[in-house]
């Protein structure tokens, strides 16, 4: 569950200035929210964890995760109100965690960003916006459908 929280929470985070590309732009929490809400992003994290996810306007998150980049993709969801703006930070409220991690977001270009938990510059994820429509309409007839992901959700 911690990996799910870190990976999905990193949706709203950024790297320290010394490792950002020259075109990178820090975003405040409201600007970051506007940039990511409702869009589908594929992500890859520093530890190899990867997947796809979408943040909804109510602060809920739905997506997939493959911890460490190995094994099957698993479905993950976090309930409404999980991600919230608090002052100048975006924070993840996760039941069972002793702390409430907060994040910063750095926009890399019009379709991607890099994120990290505030204060932990080594723990980052890179996110690239995906549009699944071209993949669906351009798939040749008879293309096998992806396997159903194993379900994991916050309890």
N, C-alpha and C. Protein backbone atom coordinates (compact mmCIF):
# COMPACT_ATOMS: atom_id res chain seq x y z
N UNK A 1 0.82 -1.19 0.00
CA UNK A 1 0.00 0.00 0.00
C UNK A 1 0.87 1.26 0.00
N UNK A 2 2.02 1.20 0.68
CA UNK A 2 2.91 2.35 0.71
C UNK A 2 3.42 2.64 -0.70
N UNK A 3 3.77 1.59 -1.47
CA UNK A 3 4.23 1.81 -2.84
C UNK A 3 3.13 2.43 -3.69
N UNK A 4 1.89 1.98 -3.51
CA UNK A 4 0.78 2.57 -4.24
C UNK A 4 0.68 4.04 -3.89
N UNK A 5 0.77 4.37 -2.60
CA UNK A 5 0.66 5.75 -2.15
C UNK A 5 1.79 6.60 -2.72
N UNK A 6 3.01 6.09 -2.67
CA UNK A 6 4.15 6.85 -3.19
C UNK A 6 4.01 7.05 -4.69
N UNK A 7 3.72 5.98 -5.42
CA UNK A 7 3.63 6.08 -6.88
C UNK A 7 2.50 7.01 -7.31
N UNK A 8 1.32 6.82 -6.78
CA UNK A 8 0.19 7.66 -7.16
C UNK A 8 0.30 9.05 -6.56
N UNK A 9 0.87 9.15 -5.37
CA UNK A 9 1.09 10.45 -4.77
C UNK A 9 2.08 11.28 -5.53
N UNK A 10 3.06 10.64 -6.13
CA UNK A 10 4.08 11.36 -6.91
C UNK A 10 3.47 12.05 -8.11
N UNK A 11 2.20 11.71 -8.44
CA UNK A 11 1.52 12.40 -9.52
C UNK A 11 1.55 13.90 -9.26
N UNK A 12 1.66 14.28 -8.02
CA UNK A 12 1.62 15.69 -7.66
C UNK A 12 2.93 16.14 -7.03
N UNK A 13 4.05 15.80 -7.65
CA UNK A 13 5.34 16.12 -7.04
C UNK A 13 6.37 16.61 -8.04
N UNK A 14 7.61 16.96 -7.55
CA UNK A 14 8.68 17.44 -8.45
C UNK A 14 10.06 17.24 -7.89
N UNK A 15 11.07 17.24 -8.77
CA UNK A 15 12.48 17.07 -8.36
C UNK A 15 13.09 18.41 -7.97
N UNK A 16 14.16 18.38 -7.14
CA UNK A 16 14.85 19.62 -6.80
C UNK A 16 15.41 20.30 -8.05
N UNK A 17 15.60 21.59 -7.98
CA UNK A 17 16.00 22.39 -9.14
C UNK A 17 17.30 21.91 -9.79
N UNK A 18 18.20 21.33 -9.04
CA UNK A 18 19.49 20.95 -9.62
C UNK A 18 19.39 19.80 -10.61
N UNK A 19 18.30 19.02 -10.59
CA UNK A 19 18.19 17.92 -11.55
C UNK A 19 17.06 18.11 -12.54
N UNK A 20 16.46 19.28 -12.59
CA UNK A 20 15.40 19.53 -13.54
C UNK A 20 15.97 19.98 -14.87
N UNK A 21 15.32 19.61 -15.97
CA UNK A 21 15.73 20.14 -17.26
C UNK A 21 15.54 21.66 -17.29
N UNK A 22 16.25 22.32 -18.19
CA UNK A 22 16.21 23.77 -18.28
C UNK A 22 14.80 24.31 -18.52
N UNK A 23 13.95 23.57 -19.23
CA UNK A 23 12.60 24.03 -19.54
C UNK A 23 11.62 23.71 -18.42
N UNK A 24 12.03 23.01 -17.40
CA UNK A 24 11.13 22.61 -16.33
C UNK A 24 10.57 23.82 -15.60
N UNK A 25 9.36 23.67 -15.10
CA UNK A 25 8.67 24.77 -14.44
C UNK A 25 7.94 24.25 -13.21
N UNK A 26 8.30 24.76 -12.03
CA UNK A 26 7.57 24.40 -10.82
C UNK A 26 6.15 24.91 -10.92
N UNK A 27 5.23 24.11 -10.42
CA UNK A 27 3.83 24.51 -10.41
C UNK A 27 3.32 24.52 -8.98
N UNK A 28 2.50 25.49 -8.65
CA UNK A 28 1.83 25.50 -7.37
C UNK A 28 0.77 24.42 -7.36
N UNK A 29 0.19 24.13 -6.18
CA UNK A 29 -0.77 23.03 -6.09
C UNK A 29 -2.00 23.19 -6.98
N UNK A 30 -2.54 24.39 -7.09
CA UNK A 30 -3.73 24.58 -7.93
C UNK A 30 -3.38 24.45 -9.41
N UNK A 31 -2.21 24.97 -9.81
CA UNK A 31 -1.76 24.85 -11.20
C UNK A 31 -1.49 23.37 -11.53
N UNK A 32 -0.86 22.65 -10.59
CA UNK A 32 -0.59 21.22 -10.79
C UNK A 32 -1.89 20.44 -10.91
N UNK A 33 -2.84 20.77 -10.05
CA UNK A 33 -4.14 20.11 -10.08
C UNK A 33 -4.80 20.28 -11.46
N UNK A 34 -4.77 21.50 -11.98
CA UNK A 34 -5.36 21.78 -13.29
C UNK A 34 -4.63 21.02 -14.39
N UNK A 35 -3.33 20.82 -14.24
CA UNK A 35 -2.52 20.14 -15.25
C UNK A 35 -2.77 18.64 -15.28
N UNK A 36 -3.07 18.01 -14.13
CA UNK A 36 -3.17 16.55 -14.09
C UNK A 36 -4.58 15.99 -13.96
N UNK A 37 -5.51 16.72 -13.37
CA UNK A 37 -6.84 16.17 -13.11
C UNK A 37 -7.55 15.75 -14.39
N UNK A 38 -8.04 14.52 -14.38
CA UNK A 38 -8.82 13.98 -15.49
C UNK A 38 -8.02 13.40 -16.63
N UNK A 39 -6.71 13.56 -16.60
CA UNK A 39 -5.87 13.05 -17.69
C UNK A 39 -5.24 11.72 -17.28
N UNK A 40 -5.00 10.87 -18.27
CA UNK A 40 -4.37 9.58 -18.06
C UNK A 40 -2.86 9.74 -18.23
N UNK A 41 -2.10 9.30 -17.22
CA UNK A 41 -0.64 9.39 -17.26
C UNK A 41 -0.02 8.02 -17.04
N UNK A 42 0.99 7.70 -17.86
CA UNK A 42 1.84 6.54 -17.60
C UNK A 42 2.97 7.05 -16.73
N UNK A 43 3.44 6.23 -15.79
CA UNK A 43 4.52 6.68 -14.91
C UNK A 43 5.57 5.59 -14.73
N UNK A 44 6.79 6.05 -14.46
CA UNK A 44 7.92 5.20 -14.11
C UNK A 44 8.64 5.88 -12.96
N UNK A 45 8.92 5.13 -11.89
CA UNK A 45 9.52 5.71 -10.70
C UNK A 45 10.98 5.29 -10.53
N UNK A 46 11.66 5.97 -9.63
CA UNK A 46 13.09 5.74 -9.37
C UNK A 46 13.40 4.29 -9.04
N UNK A 47 12.48 3.57 -8.43
CA UNK A 47 12.73 2.18 -8.02
C UNK A 47 12.27 1.16 -9.05
N UNK A 48 11.84 1.64 -10.23
CA UNK A 48 11.37 0.73 -11.28
C UNK A 48 9.86 0.55 -11.31
N UNK A 49 9.17 0.99 -10.26
CA UNK A 49 7.71 0.88 -10.21
C UNK A 49 7.13 1.62 -11.42
N UNK A 50 6.12 1.01 -12.06
CA UNK A 50 5.50 1.67 -13.20
C UNK A 50 4.01 1.38 -13.22
N UNK A 51 3.31 2.05 -14.13
CA UNK A 51 1.88 1.86 -14.27
C UNK A 51 1.25 3.03 -14.98
N UNK A 52 -0.07 3.15 -14.82
CA UNK A 52 -0.85 4.26 -15.38
C UNK A 52 -1.86 4.68 -14.34
N UNK A 53 -2.26 5.95 -14.38
CA UNK A 53 -3.25 6.40 -13.43
C UNK A 53 -3.93 7.68 -13.86
N UNK A 54 -5.07 7.93 -13.20
CA UNK A 54 -5.85 9.14 -13.45
C UNK A 54 -6.33 9.66 -12.10
N UNK A 55 -6.18 10.99 -11.91
CA UNK A 55 -6.69 11.66 -10.71
C UNK A 55 -7.98 12.37 -11.09
N UNK A 56 -8.99 12.22 -10.26
CA UNK A 56 -10.29 12.82 -10.52
C UNK A 56 -10.47 14.09 -9.70
N UNK A 57 -11.41 14.97 -10.11
CA UNK A 57 -11.61 16.25 -9.42
C UNK A 57 -11.91 16.11 -7.92
N UNK A 58 -12.48 14.99 -7.50
CA UNK A 58 -12.81 14.79 -6.08
C UNK A 58 -11.61 14.31 -5.25
N UNK A 59 -10.42 14.21 -5.88
CA UNK A 59 -9.22 13.76 -5.16
C UNK A 59 -9.05 12.26 -5.11
N UNK A 60 -9.89 11.53 -5.82
CA UNK A 60 -9.73 10.07 -5.89
C UNK A 60 -8.74 9.74 -7.01
N UNK A 61 -8.18 8.53 -6.94
CA UNK A 61 -7.19 8.09 -7.92
C UNK A 61 -7.54 6.66 -8.34
N UNK A 62 -7.45 6.38 -9.63
CA UNK A 62 -7.67 5.04 -10.16
C UNK A 62 -6.55 4.76 -11.16
N UNK A 63 -6.00 3.55 -11.08
CA UNK A 63 -4.95 3.22 -12.03
C UNK A 63 -4.40 1.84 -11.82
N UNK A 64 -3.20 1.63 -12.36
CA UNK A 64 -2.51 0.37 -12.23
C UNK A 64 -1.13 0.62 -11.65
N UNK A 65 -0.56 -0.42 -11.06
CA UNK A 65 0.78 -0.32 -10.49
C UNK A 65 1.47 -1.67 -10.63
N UNK A 66 2.76 -1.62 -10.94
CA UNK A 66 3.61 -2.80 -10.97
C UNK A 66 4.81 -2.47 -10.08
N UNK A 67 4.76 -2.83 -8.78
CA UNK A 67 5.83 -2.49 -7.84
C UNK A 67 7.18 -3.02 -8.31
N UNK A 68 8.18 -2.15 -8.32
CA UNK A 68 9.52 -2.53 -8.72
C UNK A 68 9.64 -2.86 -10.20
N UNK A 69 8.55 -2.67 -10.98
CA UNK A 69 8.58 -2.96 -12.41
C UNK A 69 8.56 -4.44 -12.73
N UNK A 70 8.23 -5.28 -11.74
CA UNK A 70 8.22 -6.73 -11.95
C UNK A 70 6.87 -7.31 -11.57
N UNK A 71 6.51 -8.39 -12.21
CA UNK A 71 5.26 -9.06 -11.90
C UNK A 71 4.10 -8.45 -12.66
N UNK A 72 2.89 -8.89 -12.31
CA UNK A 72 1.71 -8.41 -13.04
C UNK A 72 1.32 -7.00 -12.62
N UNK A 73 0.67 -6.30 -13.53
CA UNK A 73 0.07 -5.01 -13.19
C UNK A 73 -1.08 -5.28 -12.25
N UNK A 74 -1.25 -4.43 -11.26
CA UNK A 74 -2.37 -4.56 -10.33
C UNK A 74 -3.21 -3.30 -10.37
N UNK A 75 -4.50 -3.47 -10.23
CA UNK A 75 -5.42 -2.34 -10.17
C UNK A 75 -5.30 -1.71 -8.79
N UNK A 76 -5.31 -0.38 -8.74
CA UNK A 76 -5.24 0.34 -7.46
C UNK A 76 -6.22 1.50 -7.50
N UNK A 77 -6.88 1.74 -6.38
CA UNK A 77 -7.76 2.91 -6.30
C UNK A 77 -7.65 3.51 -4.91
N UNK A 78 -7.76 4.82 -4.87
CA UNK A 78 -7.75 5.56 -3.61
C UNK A 78 -9.03 6.39 -3.59
N UNK A 79 -9.72 6.48 -2.45
CA UNK A 79 -11.04 7.11 -2.39
C UNK A 79 -11.02 8.63 -2.56
N UNK A 80 -12.21 9.18 -2.77
CA UNK A 80 -12.39 10.63 -2.87
C UNK A 80 -11.78 11.30 -1.64
N UNK A 81 -11.16 12.46 -1.84
CA UNK A 81 -10.56 13.20 -0.75
C UNK A 81 -9.15 12.76 -0.40
N UNK A 82 -8.62 11.77 -1.09
CA UNK A 82 -7.26 11.32 -0.80
C UNK A 82 -6.25 12.42 -1.10
N UNK A 83 -6.35 13.04 -2.27
CA UNK A 83 -5.43 14.12 -2.64
C UNK A 83 -6.13 15.46 -2.44
N UNK A 84 -5.48 16.35 -1.65
CA UNK A 84 -6.07 17.65 -1.32
C UNK A 84 -5.00 18.73 -1.30
N UNK A 85 -5.42 19.94 -1.66
CA UNK A 85 -4.54 21.10 -1.55
C UNK A 85 -4.61 21.58 -0.11
N UNK A 86 -3.44 21.75 0.51
CA UNK A 86 -3.35 22.27 1.88
C UNK A 86 -2.32 23.39 1.88
N UNK A 87 -2.79 24.63 1.96
CA UNK A 87 -1.88 25.77 1.90
C UNK A 87 -1.20 25.80 0.55
N UNK A 88 0.13 25.74 0.54
CA UNK A 88 0.91 25.76 -0.70
C UNK A 88 1.38 24.37 -1.12
N UNK A 89 0.73 23.32 -0.61
CA UNK A 89 1.16 21.96 -0.92
C UNK A 89 -0.03 21.09 -1.33
N UNK A 90 0.26 20.06 -2.09
CA UNK A 90 -0.71 19.02 -2.42
C UNK A 90 -0.34 17.84 -1.53
N UNK A 91 -1.31 17.31 -0.79
CA UNK A 91 -1.02 16.25 0.17
C UNK A 91 -1.94 15.05 -0.04
N UNK A 92 -1.43 13.87 0.33
CA UNK A 92 -2.18 12.63 0.20
C UNK A 92 -2.60 12.15 1.59
N UNK A 93 -3.89 12.03 1.80
CA UNK A 93 -4.44 11.56 3.07
C UNK A 93 -4.75 10.08 2.92
N UNK A 94 -3.91 9.25 3.54
CA UNK A 94 -4.03 7.80 3.41
C UNK A 94 -4.26 7.17 4.77
N UNK A 95 -5.33 6.41 4.91
CA UNK A 95 -5.60 5.77 6.19
C UNK A 95 -4.50 4.77 6.50
N UNK A 96 -4.13 4.70 7.76
CA UNK A 96 -3.10 3.77 8.19
C UNK A 96 -1.69 4.31 8.13
N UNK A 97 -1.49 5.50 7.56
CA UNK A 97 -0.15 6.08 7.50
C UNK A 97 0.00 7.08 8.65
N UNK A 98 1.18 7.08 9.26
CA UNK A 98 1.45 7.96 10.39
C UNK A 98 1.67 9.41 9.96
N UNK A 99 2.10 9.61 8.72
CA UNK A 99 2.32 10.96 8.22
C UNK A 99 1.42 11.21 7.01
N UNK A 100 1.25 12.48 6.68
CA UNK A 100 0.52 12.86 5.48
C UNK A 100 1.55 13.41 4.50
N UNK A 101 1.95 12.60 3.50
CA UNK A 101 2.96 13.08 2.56
C UNK A 101 2.42 14.21 1.68
N UNK A 102 3.25 15.23 1.47
CA UNK A 102 2.91 16.35 0.60
C UNK A 102 3.87 16.35 -0.58
N UNK A 103 3.46 16.98 -1.67
CA UNK A 103 4.17 16.88 -2.94
C UNK A 103 4.34 18.22 -3.62
N UNK A 104 5.29 18.26 -4.54
CA UNK A 104 5.50 19.38 -5.45
C UNK A 104 5.49 18.82 -6.87
N UNK A 105 5.15 19.65 -7.84
CA UNK A 105 5.07 19.21 -9.24
C UNK A 105 5.96 20.10 -10.11
N UNK A 106 6.72 19.47 -11.00
CA UNK A 106 7.51 20.21 -11.98
C UNK A 106 7.07 19.79 -13.37
N UNK A 107 6.55 20.73 -14.11
CA UNK A 107 6.12 20.48 -15.49
C UNK A 107 7.37 20.42 -16.36
N UNK A 108 7.53 19.32 -17.10
CA UNK A 108 8.69 19.16 -17.98
C UNK A 108 8.39 19.68 -19.39
N UNK A 109 7.20 19.41 -19.87
CA UNK A 109 6.73 19.94 -21.16
C UNK A 109 5.21 19.88 -21.15
N UNK A 110 4.58 20.10 -22.29
CA UNK A 110 3.11 20.19 -22.30
C UNK A 110 2.41 18.89 -21.97
N UNK A 111 3.13 17.75 -21.99
CA UNK A 111 2.50 16.46 -21.73
C UNK A 111 3.18 15.66 -20.62
N UNK A 112 4.16 16.20 -19.93
CA UNK A 112 4.84 15.40 -18.92
C UNK A 112 5.28 16.23 -17.72
N UNK A 113 5.49 15.53 -16.62
CA UNK A 113 6.00 16.16 -15.41
C UNK A 113 6.78 15.15 -14.59
N UNK A 114 7.53 15.66 -13.66
CA UNK A 114 8.30 14.83 -12.73
C UNK A 114 7.84 15.20 -11.33
N UNK A 115 7.72 14.20 -10.47
CA UNK A 115 7.25 14.47 -9.13
C UNK A 115 8.03 13.76 -8.05
N UNK A 116 8.00 14.33 -6.84
CA UNK A 116 8.64 13.72 -5.69
C UNK A 116 7.92 14.13 -4.42
N UNK A 117 8.08 13.33 -3.38
CA UNK A 117 7.54 13.69 -2.08
C UNK A 117 8.42 14.81 -1.54
N UNK A 118 7.83 15.89 -1.07
CA UNK A 118 8.60 17.03 -0.54
C UNK A 118 9.59 16.55 0.50
N UNK A 119 10.84 16.97 0.32
CA UNK A 119 11.90 16.60 1.26
C UNK A 119 12.61 15.30 0.92
N UNK A 120 12.11 14.56 -0.06
CA UNK A 120 12.73 13.29 -0.45
C UNK A 120 13.04 13.33 -1.95
N UNK A 121 14.01 14.15 -2.34
CA UNK A 121 14.34 14.34 -3.74
C UNK A 121 14.71 13.08 -4.49
N UNK A 122 15.16 12.04 -3.80
CA UNK A 122 15.53 10.79 -4.47
C UNK A 122 14.31 9.98 -4.87
N UNK A 123 13.17 10.20 -4.27
CA UNK A 123 11.96 9.41 -4.51
C UNK A 123 11.07 10.13 -5.54
N UNK A 124 11.37 9.91 -6.82
CA UNK A 124 10.63 10.61 -7.87
C UNK A 124 9.96 9.64 -8.83
N UNK A 125 9.00 10.17 -9.55
CA UNK A 125 8.35 9.45 -10.65
C UNK A 125 8.24 10.42 -11.82
N UNK A 126 8.42 9.89 -13.03
CA UNK A 126 8.21 10.66 -14.26
C UNK A 126 6.87 10.24 -14.85
N UNK A 127 6.09 11.22 -15.29
CA UNK A 127 4.74 10.98 -15.81
C UNK A 127 4.62 11.54 -17.21
N UNK A 128 4.01 10.77 -18.12
CA UNK A 128 3.78 11.20 -19.49
C UNK A 128 2.31 10.97 -19.81
N UNK A 129 1.66 12.02 -20.30
CA UNK A 129 0.24 11.91 -20.62
C UNK A 129 0.03 10.94 -21.77
N UNK A 130 -0.99 10.10 -21.64
CA UNK A 130 -1.35 9.11 -22.66
C UNK A 130 -2.74 9.40 -23.18
N UNK A 131 -2.94 9.13 -24.45
CA UNK A 131 -4.25 9.20 -25.06
C UNK A 131 -4.52 7.81 -25.62
N UNK A 132 -5.46 7.09 -25.03
CA UNK A 132 -5.70 5.71 -25.43
C UNK A 132 -6.53 5.58 -26.69
N UNK A 133 -7.21 6.62 -27.13
CA UNK A 133 -8.06 6.52 -28.33
C UNK A 133 -7.30 6.07 -29.57
N UNK A 134 -6.16 6.68 -29.92
CA UNK A 134 -5.47 6.20 -31.12
C UNK A 134 -5.09 4.72 -31.01
N UNK A 135 -4.73 4.26 -29.82
CA UNK A 135 -4.37 2.87 -29.65
C UNK A 135 -5.58 1.97 -29.89
N UNK A 136 -6.75 2.41 -29.47
CA UNK A 136 -7.95 1.60 -29.64
C UNK A 136 -8.40 1.58 -31.09
N UNK A 137 -8.37 2.73 -31.76
CA UNK A 137 -8.87 2.79 -33.13
C UNK A 137 -7.88 2.24 -34.15
N UNK A 138 -6.60 2.23 -33.82
CA UNK A 138 -5.59 1.75 -34.75
C UNK A 138 -5.20 0.29 -34.52
N UNK A 139 -5.77 -0.35 -33.51
CA UNK A 139 -5.42 -1.75 -33.23
C UNK A 139 -5.99 -2.64 -34.33
N UNK A 140 -5.16 -3.53 -34.88
CA UNK A 140 -5.66 -4.43 -35.93
C UNK A 140 -6.73 -5.38 -35.38
N UNK A 141 -7.63 -5.77 -36.24
CA UNK A 141 -8.69 -6.71 -35.84
C UNK A 141 -8.05 -7.98 -35.30
N UNK A 142 -8.63 -8.50 -34.25
CA UNK A 142 -8.13 -9.74 -33.65
C UNK A 142 -6.99 -9.53 -32.67
N UNK A 143 -6.64 -8.25 -32.39
CA UNK A 143 -5.60 -7.98 -31.41
C UNK A 143 -6.09 -8.42 -30.04
N UNK A 144 -5.32 -9.24 -29.32
CA UNK A 144 -5.78 -9.70 -28.01
C UNK A 144 -5.91 -8.54 -27.03
N UNK A 145 -6.90 -8.65 -26.17
CA UNK A 145 -7.12 -7.64 -25.14
C UNK A 145 -6.17 -7.89 -23.99
N UNK A 146 -5.76 -6.81 -23.28
CA UNK A 146 -4.87 -7.00 -22.14
C UNK A 146 -5.53 -7.83 -21.05
N UNK A 147 -4.72 -8.56 -20.30
CA UNK A 147 -5.24 -9.37 -19.20
C UNK A 147 -5.82 -8.47 -18.13
N UNK A 148 -6.82 -8.96 -17.43
CA UNK A 148 -7.42 -8.21 -16.34
C UNK A 148 -6.41 -8.11 -15.21
N UNK A 149 -6.22 -6.90 -14.70
CA UNK A 149 -5.25 -6.67 -13.64
C UNK A 149 -5.80 -7.15 -12.30
N UNK A 150 -4.91 -7.62 -11.43
CA UNK A 150 -5.27 -8.04 -10.09
C UNK A 150 -5.68 -6.81 -9.29
N UNK A 151 -6.74 -6.88 -8.51
CA UNK A 151 -7.26 -5.70 -7.81
C UNK A 151 -6.59 -5.50 -6.47
N UNK A 152 -6.19 -4.24 -6.22
CA UNK A 152 -5.62 -3.81 -4.95
C UNK A 152 -6.29 -2.48 -4.64
N UNK A 153 -6.84 -2.32 -3.45
CA UNK A 153 -7.44 -1.04 -3.09
C UNK A 153 -7.15 -0.73 -1.64
N UNK A 154 -7.29 0.57 -1.31
CA UNK A 154 -7.04 0.99 0.07
C UNK A 154 -8.18 0.50 0.94
N UNK A 155 -7.83 -0.05 2.07
CA UNK A 155 -8.85 -0.55 3.02
C UNK A 155 -8.85 0.32 4.23
